[in-house]
Amino acid sequence: MAEEQKGMFSPELLDEIRNRFLYVDMDPFAGQRVYLEASGGSLRLKTVVETIAKESALPDELFRYNPASDHVNAAVDKGMEDVKLFLGAKSGHIMPAHSATHAIFRALNAITSYVPGSNIVTTELEHPAVRSSTQYFAETTGKEWRVAKLSGETSSVPAESILELVDKDTCVLAFQHGSNQTGSINDVKTIITEARKIKPDLYVLVDAVQYAPHGPIDVEKYGADAYAFGPYKAYCVKGIGFAHMSDRLANLPHWRLLDKPVTNWVLGSPAHMMYACWSATVDYLCWLGSHFTESEDRRAQMIAAKDAIHTHMKALLHRAMFGTEEIEGLFKINHVDVADMPEDIGNRLCIFLFQLAGMDASTAIGRFNQEHGVRLAARIMDAYSAVPLKALGWESAIRLSGAHYNTPEEIDIFLKATKALAP
């Protein structure tokens, strides 16, 4: 088997996977297209769309003591249990929020308001959910805002660059598990372990929005105080986000309804259909995992699915960079400049930034879309991308972000389109 094919799903299984998603190769506005913009929001599962239509029609609320209300209660309870299953959570508490960004702001608000410390540590590669929140709370609480630098040689932030900013006066360390810009993956367990050698009671928040759809997760192993993700990037819908919280974080003073337990972070009546949609997503991942393990345990199936997804994505990334015997990869196309990464690609998500010679990113993605039917994203000097772009020395960049429903043939279409867009 060729190197670029190792670890990919079989064509038969990939067909089954793609058949479970809507608009997998076309949409009602553009017609046929290749969707390589999962970081902006993944494709939706058919079962998720069916679930939200069915559950949204129900008028009944929680705790009204009738059969329909009992169903609503059960949907919320199961959704919360499926969040725990997805994260491997056996302890702690789950905070539901309007989005992962909302959850991150709430967690950092509590930590920076009530935990001693004179500085906050984060990195240049963060999504604004972490970058803006850490800067905001540093300013409002009078703390020093420390930012670890992005390495242009690897398009990642080295762990040692993060750790050298942590000291005994650090209030909170906040960083991402996987980058939505360059695809680099942080060794969360090692960073947290080493940081707590410097300050044993250090609070740590991890933004897992981009990593969550792609790799296995075990919050018990990591030991973060908050670990947040957003379902809409994991084949589900917008409108809800979740964060796993340690006991000590959950018990900090926070916005809450005062007659409820102190560890309850729910504000307002839960939208049960969002929880039901998340359960439909977890059911899908367990179905996928059942192809890679004989275990009927849902957590084992989840881990098997995420391991298989990560392996498939690494194979797609390898194909995009190195190509095949018939098609040149990005590393060999003269008018392409890829944000640097280790020569062996390293442990990365199938997400990366690149440029085309003589063409700004906005023009390039327009041509990819209109001339070749390939959907990518432009990263420009805005609130989402300005900081990492400046660190790379770029004015703009094109981002490819794949998902496990993408095929090697779609990567080939992208490579041919890239080759054709020579200056």
Protein backbone atom coordinates (compact mmCIF):
# COMPACT_ATOMS: atom_id res chain seq x y z
CA MET A 1 0.00 0.00 0.00
CA ALA A 2 1.36 3.46 -0.89
CA GLU A 3 2.42 5.63 2.03
CA GLU A 4 -0.28 8.20 1.34
CA GLN A 5 -2.99 5.50 1.60
CA LYS A 6 -1.93 4.02 4.94
CA GLY A 7 -4.56 4.37 7.62
CA MET A 8 -7.34 5.65 5.39
CA PHE A 9 -10.84 4.29 5.70
CA SER A 10 -11.70 1.68 3.11
CA PRO A 11 -13.65 3.02 0.12
CA GLU A 12 -16.65 1.00 1.25
CA LEU A 13 -16.66 2.42 4.77
CA LEU A 14 -15.99 5.93 3.49
CA ASP A 15 -19.08 5.61 1.27
CA GLU A 16 -21.12 4.60 4.32
CA ILE A 17 -19.74 7.53 6.31
CA ARG A 18 -20.48 10.07 3.58
CA ASN A 19 -23.99 8.73 3.14
CA ARG A 20 -24.71 9.75 6.74
CA PHE A 21 -23.99 13.44 6.09
CA LEU A 22 -25.96 16.13 4.27
CA TYR A 23 -24.45 18.13 1.40
CA VAL A 24 -21.35 15.97 1.36
CA ASP A 25 -20.42 16.81 -2.23
CA MET A 26 -22.87 19.58 -3.22
CA ASP A 27 -25.00 22.33 -1.76
CA PRO A 28 -28.17 24.09 -2.98
CA PHE A 29 -26.30 27.30 -3.76
CA ALA A 30 -23.13 26.18 -5.53
CA GLY A 31 -24.03 22.71 -6.77
CA GLN A 32 -21.16 20.21 -6.90
CA ARG A 33 -18.23 21.16 -4.70
CA VAL A 34 -15.49 19.72 -2.50
CA TYR A 35 -15.91 20.87 1.10
CA LEU A 36 -12.56 21.42 2.83
CA GLU A 37 -13.70 24.01 5.37
CA ALA A 38 -14.56 21.89 8.40
CA SER A 39 -12.88 24.35 10.78
CA GLY A 40 -15.53 26.90 9.86
CA GLY A 41 -18.18 24.32 10.75
CA SER A 42 -18.40 20.65 9.85
CA LEU A 43 -20.99 19.03 7.63
CA ARG A 44 -24.14 17.99 9.51
CA LEU A 45 -25.23 14.46 10.18
CA LYS A 46 -28.59 13.56 8.70
CA THR A 47 -29.69 12.14 12.05
CA VAL A 48 -28.86 15.44 13.74
CA VAL A 49 -31.03 17.41 11.34
CA GLU A 50 -33.86 14.89 11.70
CA THR A 51 -33.55 15.05 15.49
CA ILE A 52 -33.67 18.85 15.75
CA ALA A 53 -36.74 18.97 13.48
CA LYS A 54 -38.56 16.37 15.58
CA GLU A 55 -37.56 17.68 19.01
CA SER A 56 -38.00 21.38 18.24
CA ALA A 57 -41.68 20.74 17.47
CA LEU A 58 -42.41 19.67 21.06
CA PRO A 59 -43.95 22.46 23.18
CA ASP A 60 -43.44 20.81 26.55
CA GLU A 61 -40.91 22.10 29.08
CA LEU A 62 -38.82 20.31 31.69
CA PHE A 63 -40.32 19.18 35.01
CA ARG A 64 -44.00 19.49 34.05
CA TYR A 65 -44.76 15.91 35.07
CA ASN A 66 -46.40 14.60 31.93
CA PRO A 67 -45.12 12.07 29.37
CA ALA A 68 -43.86 14.69 26.89
CA SER A 69 -42.08 16.60 29.65
CA ASP A 70 -40.55 13.35 30.90
CA HIS A 71 -39.18 12.81 27.38
CA VAL A 72 -37.65 16.30 27.41
CA ASN A 73 -36.05 15.64 30.81
CA ALA A 74 -34.64 12.34 29.55
CA ALA A 75 -33.17 13.99 26.43
CA VAL A 76 -31.28 16.53 28.53
CA ASP A 77 -30.04 13.88 30.96
CA LYS A 78 -28.87 11.60 28.16
CA GLY A 79 -27.21 14.51 26.36
CA MET A 80 -25.21 15.36 29.48
CA GLU A 81 -24.19 11.73 29.92
CA ASP A 82 -23.10 11.62 26.28
CA VAL A 83 -20.95 14.73 26.82
CA LYS A 84 -19.23 12.88 29.66
CA LEU A 85 -18.80 9.79 27.49
CA PHE A 86 -17.28 11.86 24.68
CA LEU A 87 -14.81 13.47 27.08
CA GLY A 88 -14.09 10.42 29.23
CA ALA A 89 -15.32 12.33 32.29
CA LYS A 90 -15.81 10.27 35.45
CA SER A 91 -15.55 13.18 37.88
CA GLY A 92 -16.12 16.92 37.86
CA HIS A 93 -19.05 18.78 36.33
CA ILE A 94 -20.34 19.82 32.90
CA MET A 95 -21.12 23.43 32.07
CA PRO A 96 -23.53 23.91 29.15
CA ALA A 97 -23.30 27.29 27.41
CA HIS A 98 -24.42 29.04 24.23
CA SER A 99 -21.05 28.20 22.65
CA ALA A 100 -17.57 27.05 23.61
CA THR A 101 -16.50 30.72 23.58
CA HIS A 102 -19.26 31.51 26.09
CA ALA A 103 -18.11 28.63 28.31
CA ILE A 104 -14.48 29.82 28.16
CA PHE A 105 -15.41 33.39 29.11
CA ARG A 106 -17.51 32.17 32.05
CA ALA A 107 -14.78 29.87 33.34
CA LEU A 108 -12.07 32.53 33.07
CA ASN A 109 -14.32 35.11 34.69
CA ALA A 110 -14.64 32.90 37.77
CA ILE A 111 -10.95 31.98 37.89
CA THR A 112 -9.53 35.47 37.42
CA SER A 113 -12.01 36.97 39.89
CA TYR A 114 -11.40 34.57 42.77
CA VAL A 115 -8.04 32.81 42.28
CA PRO A 116 -4.88 34.64 43.46
CA GLY A 117 -2.18 35.43 40.92
CA SER A 118 -0.63 38.39 39.17
CA ASN A 119 -0.39 37.06 35.60
CA ILE A 120 -2.27 35.08 32.94
CA VAL A 121 -0.44 32.91 30.38
CA THR A 122 -1.62 32.07 26.86
CA THR A 123 -0.15 31.84 23.31
CA GLU A 124 -0.06 33.66 19.96
CA LEU A 125 -1.81 30.78 18.21
CA GLU A 126 -5.05 30.93 20.19
CA HIS A 127 -8.54 31.41 18.82
CA PRO A 128 -10.08 34.71 20.04
CA ALA A 129 -12.17 32.65 22.48
CA VAL A 130 -8.98 32.32 24.55
CA ARG A 131 -6.92 35.25 23.29
CA SER A 132 -9.64 37.87 23.78
CA SER A 133 -10.92 36.46 27.06
CA THR A 134 -7.46 36.22 28.66
CA GLN A 135 -6.55 39.74 27.52
CA TYR A 136 -9.89 41.14 28.69
CA PHE A 137 -9.70 39.59 32.15
CA ALA A 138 -6.02 40.53 32.49
CA GLU A 139 -6.96 44.15 31.86
CA THR A 140 -10.04 44.19 34.09
CA THR A 141 -8.32 42.45 37.02
CA GLY A 142 -4.95 44.23 36.70
CA LYS A 143 -2.99 41.10 35.83
CA GLU A 144 -0.04 40.82 33.44
CA TRP A 145 -0.96 39.20 30.12
CA ARG A 146 1.83 36.85 29.01
CA VAL A 147 1.77 35.46 25.47
CA ALA A 148 4.01 32.58 24.30
CA LYS A 149 5.40 33.09 20.80
CA LEU A 150 4.54 31.11 17.69
CA SER A 151 7.49 29.36 16.05
CA GLY A 152 7.69 30.05 12.34
CA GLU A 153 9.75 26.87 11.90
CA THR A 154 6.95 24.57 13.02
CA SER A 155 3.84 26.83 12.87
CA SER A 156 3.24 25.80 16.48
CA VAL A 157 3.99 27.13 19.95
CA PRO A 158 6.70 25.00 21.62
CA ALA A 159 5.76 23.67 25.04
CA GLU A 160 8.90 25.19 26.52
CA SER A 161 7.82 28.64 25.29
CA ILE A 162 4.60 28.24 27.26
CA LEU A 163 6.24 26.85 30.38
CA GLU A 164 8.90 29.55 30.62
CA LEU A 165 6.13 32.12 31.15
CA VAL A 166 4.51 30.23 34.04
CA ASP A 167 5.63 31.08 37.56
CA LYS A 168 4.39 30.84 41.15
CA ASP A 169 2.25 33.96 40.58
CA THR A 170 0.41 32.69 37.50
CA CYS A 171 -3.36 32.80 38.05
CA VAL A 172 -4.36 30.69 35.04
CA LEU A 173 -2.80 29.06 31.98
CA ALA A 174 -5.10 28.92 28.93
CA PHE A 175 -4.19 27.24 25.64
CA GLN A 176 -5.65 25.13 22.85
CA HIS A 177 -5.47 21.39 22.33
CA GLY A 178 -5.33 21.66 18.52
CA SER A 179 -4.94 24.74 16.32
CA ASN A 180 -7.74 25.83 14.00
CA GLN A 181 -5.11 27.71 11.95
CA THR A 182 -2.10 25.44 11.49
CA GLY A 183 -3.31 22.05 12.76
CA SER A 184 -0.58 21.74 15.39
CA ILE A 185 -1.51 19.60 18.42
CA ASN A 186 -0.37 20.43 21.93
CA ASP A 187 0.63 17.69 24.35
CA VAL A 188 -1.95 18.74 26.92
CA LYS A 189 -1.00 16.21 29.58
CA THR A 190 2.71 17.09 29.48
CA ILE A 191 2.16 20.85 29.47
CA ILE A 192 -0.21 20.68 32.45
CA THR A 193 2.06 18.29 34.38
CA GLU A 194 5.16 20.44 33.81
CA ALA A 195 3.32 23.69 34.55
CA ARG A 196 2.12 22.32 37.90
CA LYS A 197 5.70 21.44 38.81
CA ILE A 198 6.22 25.21 38.75
CA LYS A 199 2.93 26.02 40.54
CA PRO A 200 1.22 22.93 41.99
CA ASP A 201 -2.22 24.52 42.36
CA LEU A 202 -2.22 26.23 38.95
CA TYR A 203 -5.60 26.56 37.24
CA VAL A 204 -5.57 25.44 33.58
CA LEU A 205 -8.14 25.96 30.81
CA VAL A 206 -7.96 24.08 27.50
CA ASP A 207 -9.77 25.12 24.32
CA ALA A 208 -10.57 21.84 22.55
CA VAL A 209 -12.97 23.17 19.91
CA GLN A 210 -10.75 22.27 16.98
CA TYR A 211 -9.28 19.09 18.39
CA ALA A 212 -12.55 17.56 19.59
CA PRO A 213 -13.83 16.25 16.22
CA HIS A 214 -10.52 14.59 15.34
CA GLY A 215 -8.75 12.87 18.23
CA PRO A 216 -9.45 10.79 21.35
CA ILE A 217 -10.11 12.75 24.55
CA ASP A 218 -9.58 11.79 28.19
CA VAL A 219 -10.15 14.72 30.55
CA GLU A 220 -9.34 12.55 33.57
CA LYS A 221 -5.83 12.02 32.21
CA TYR A 222 -5.24 15.70 31.37
CA GLY A 223 -6.29 17.21 34.68
CA ALA A 224 -7.38 20.58 33.26
CA ASP A 225 -9.78 22.67 35.30
CA ALA A 226 -11.82 23.52 32.21
CA TYR A 227 -11.90 21.68 28.88
CA ALA A 228 -14.28 23.27 26.35
CA PHE A 229 -15.61 22.20 22.96
CA GLY A 230 -18.32 23.20 20.47
CA PRO A 231 -20.59 20.54 18.91
CA TYR A 232 -21.07 22.41 15.61
CA LYS A 233 -17.50 21.58 14.61
CA ALA A 234 -18.13 17.96 15.50
CA TYR A 235 -20.94 17.13 13.04
CA CYS A 236 -23.69 18.61 15.24
CA VAL A 237 -25.41 22.04 15.37
CA LYS A 238 -24.69 25.56 16.59
CA GLY A 239 -26.35 27.02 19.65
CA ILE A 240 -24.67 25.06 22.42
CA GLY A 241 -21.20 24.45 23.82
CA PHE A 242 -19.88 22.43 26.73
CA ALA A 243 -17.00 22.56 29.18
CA HIS A 244 -15.89 19.90 31.62
CA MET A 245 -14.91 21.51 34.93
CA SER A 246 -12.91 20.33 37.91
CA ASP A 247 -14.61 20.30 41.30
CA ARG A 248 -12.60 23.30 42.49
CA LEU A 249 -13.56 25.39 39.46
CA ALA A 250 -17.22 24.38 39.66
CA ASN A 251 -17.31 25.53 43.29
CA LEU A 252 -15.90 28.99 42.61
CA PRO A 253 -18.42 31.87 42.80
CA HIS A 254 -20.05 32.36 39.41
CA TRP A 255 -23.23 33.56 37.72
CA ARG A 256 -25.92 31.15 38.88
CA LEU A 257 -29.46 30.78 40.14
CA LEU A 258 -28.96 31.04 43.89
CA ASP A 259 -31.48 28.40 44.93
CA LYS A 260 -29.68 25.74 42.86
CA PRO A 261 -26.55 23.77 43.92
CA VAL A 262 -23.36 25.81 43.81
CA THR A 263 -21.88 23.52 41.16
CA ASN A 264 -24.83 24.05 38.80
CA TRP A 265 -23.75 26.41 36.00
CA VAL A 266 -26.96 26.18 33.96
CA LEU A 267 -28.53 29.57 33.22
CA GLY A 268 -32.07 29.48 31.87
CA SER A 269 -34.09 26.52 30.64
CA PRO A 270 -32.01 24.03 28.62
CA ALA A 271 -32.99 23.64 24.97
CA HIS A 272 -33.51 19.90 25.07
CA MET A 273 -33.28 19.51 21.29
CA MET A 274 -29.60 20.55 21.41
CA TYR A 275 -28.86 17.77 23.89
CA ALA A 276 -30.77 15.27 21.74
CA CYS A 277 -28.75 16.34 18.71
CA TRP A 278 -25.53 15.78 20.62
CA SER A 279 -26.71 12.28 21.57
CA ALA A 280 -27.34 11.59 17.87
CA THR A 281 -23.75 12.63 17.17
CA VAL A 282 -22.37 10.36 19.86
CA ASP A 283 -24.50 7.50 18.52
CA TYR A 284 -22.90 8.04 15.11
CA LEU A 285 -19.37 7.99 16.55
CA CYS A 286 -20.12 4.79 18.44
CA TRP A 287 -21.42 3.27 15.18
CA LEU A 288 -18.20 4.27 13.45
CA GLY A 289 -16.08 2.91 16.30
CA SER A 290 -17.86 -0.44 16.12
CA HIS A 291 -16.02 -1.03 12.83
CA PHE A 292 -12.69 -0.92 14.68
CA THR A 293 -13.42 -2.73 17.95
CA GLU A 294 -15.43 -5.78 18.92
CA SER A 295 -16.33 -4.17 22.24
CA GLU A 296 -19.94 -3.16 22.79
CA ASP A 297 -18.90 -0.60 25.40
CA ARG A 298 -19.76 2.86 24.09
CA ARG A 299 -16.65 4.50 25.51
CA ALA A 300 -14.44 1.87 23.86
CA GLN A 301 -16.29 2.45 20.60
CA MET A 302 -15.80 6.21 20.97
CA ILE A 303 -12.04 5.84 21.46
CA ALA A 304 -11.82 3.46 18.50
CA ALA A 305 -13.71 5.93 16.30
CA LYS A 306 -11.52 8.88 17.28
CA ASP A 307 -8.31 6.87 16.78
CA ALA A 308 -9.49 5.82 13.32
CA ILE A 309 -10.54 9.38 12.45
CA HIS A 310 -7.16 10.76 13.49
CA THR A 311 -5.32 8.14 11.44
CA HIS A 312 -7.47 8.79 8.36
CA MET A 313 -6.87 12.52 8.67
CA LYS A 314 -3.10 12.08 8.98
CA ALA A 315 -3.18 10.06 5.76
CA LEU A 316 -5.11 12.81 3.97
CA LEU A 317 -2.64 15.41 5.25
CA HIS A 318 0.26 13.29 4.00
CA ARG A 319 -1.38 13.04 0.57
CA ALA A 320 -1.95 16.81 0.44
CA MET A 321 1.69 17.55 1.25
CA PHE A 322 3.49 14.80 -0.66
CA GLY A 323 0.98 13.93 -3.38
CA THR A 324 1.00 10.63 -5.23
CA GLU A 325 2.98 9.16 -8.12
CA GLU A 326 0.57 10.90 -10.49
CA ILE A 327 -0.11 14.20 -8.66
CA GLU A 328 2.34 16.63 -7.08
CA GLY A 329 1.82 17.48 -3.42
CA LEU A 330 1.98 21.01 -2.06
CA PHE A 331 5.63 20.60 -1.03
CA LYS A 332 6.56 20.15 -4.72
CA ILE A 333 4.39 22.84 -6.33
CA ASN A 334 6.66 25.82 -6.97
CA HIS A 335 4.09 28.60 -6.56
CA VAL A 336 2.88 27.30 -3.17
CA ASP A 337 4.27 28.32 0.22
CA VAL A 338 3.03 26.16 3.12
CA ALA A 339 3.32 27.35 6.72
CA ASP A 340 6.30 25.42 8.01
CA MET A 341 5.84 22.10 9.75
CA PRO A 342 8.16 19.20 10.57
CA GLU A 343 9.32 17.31 7.48
CA ASP A 344 7.61 14.16 8.73
CA ILE A 345 4.46 16.30 9.22
CA GLY A 346 4.44 15.39 12.90
CA ASN A 347 1.38 14.87 15.09
CA ARG A 348 -1.02 17.30 13.39
CA LEU A 349 -4.62 17.71 12.37
CA CYS A 350 -5.44 17.91 8.66
CA ILE A 351 -5.50 21.71 8.90
CA PHE A 352 -2.87 24.02 7.47
CA LEU A 353 -2.17 27.47 6.02
CA PHE A 354 -0.63 28.14 2.63
CA GLN A 355 -0.17 30.91 0.08
CA LEU A 356 -0.17 31.10 -3.71
CA ALA A 357 2.50 33.27 -5.30
CA GLY A 358 1.18 36.55 -6.65
CA MET A 359 -2.33 36.09 -5.28
CA ASP A 360 -3.94 37.25 -2.01
CA ALA A 361 -5.99 34.71 -0.06
CA SER A 362 -9.40 36.25 -0.77
CA THR A 363 -8.81 36.19 -4.52
CA ALA A 364 -7.42 32.67 -4.32
CA ILE A 365 -10.37 31.12 -2.50
CA GLY A 366 -12.73 32.81 -4.95
CA ARG A 367 -10.93 31.17 -7.83
CA PHE A 368 -10.74 27.80 -6.05
CA ASN A 369 -14.49 27.98 -5.55
CA GLN A 370 -15.62 29.39 -8.89
CA GLU A 371 -13.18 27.66 -11.23
CA HIS A 372 -12.65 24.34 -9.48
CA GLY A 373 -15.53 23.86 -7.01
CA VAL A 374 -13.19 23.60 -4.01
CA ARG A 375 -14.37 25.25 -0.77
CA LEU A 376 -11.53 26.66 1.37
CA ALA A 377 -11.21 29.63 3.75
CA ALA A 378 -9.28 32.90 3.58
CA ARG A 379 -7.40 33.90 6.72
CA ILE A 380 -7.00 37.68 6.78
CA MET A 381 -6.03 40.45 9.20
CA ASP A 382 -9.16 40.21 11.33
CA ALA A 383 -10.00 39.31 14.92
CA TYR A 384 -9.62 35.61 14.16
CA SER A 385 -6.32 35.46 12.31
CA ALA A 386 -4.31 38.70 12.58
CA VAL A 387 -2.10 37.58 15.48
CA PRO A 388 -0.89 34.24 14.04
CA LEU A 389 -0.53 35.76 10.54
CA LYS A 390 1.68 38.54 11.89
CA ALA A 391 3.73 35.95 13.78
CA LEU A 392 4.23 34.05 10.51
CA GLY A 393 5.06 37.28 8.66
CA TRP A 394 2.11 36.87 6.28
CA GLU A 395 -0.59 39.33 5.23
CA SER A 396 -3.11 36.61 4.44
CA ALA A 397 -3.31 32.85 3.99
CA ILE A 398 -5.52 30.12 2.59
CA ARG A 399 -6.69 27.47 5.03
CA LEU A 400 -7.58 23.90 4.22
CA SER A 401 -9.38 22.09 7.03
CA GLY A 402 -10.47 18.54 6.40
CA ALA A 403 -12.73 16.09 8.19
CA HIS A 404 -13.00 12.33 8.28
CA TYR A 405 -15.72 12.31 5.60
CA ASN A 406 -13.23 13.73 3.08
CA THR A 407 -11.78 11.34 0.51
CA PRO A 408 -8.36 10.96 -1.11
CA GLU A 409 -10.04 11.82 -4.43
CA GLU A 410 -11.11 15.17 -2.97
CA ILE A 411 -7.53 15.89 -1.93
CA ASP A 412 -6.47 15.10 -5.50
CA ILE A 413 -9.04 17.55 -6.88
CA PHE A 414 -7.67 20.20 -4.53
CA LEU A 415 -4.07 19.49 -5.61
CA LYS A 416 -4.93 19.70 -9.31
CA ALA A 417 -6.75 22.97 -8.70
CA THR A 418 -3.77 24.36 -6.79
CA LYS A 419 -1.40 23.36 -9.58
CA ALA A 420 -3.66 25.07 -12.12
CA LEU A 421 -3.68 28.37 -10.19
CA ALA A 422 -0.11 29.22 -11.12
CA PRO A 423 0.70 32.92 -11.46
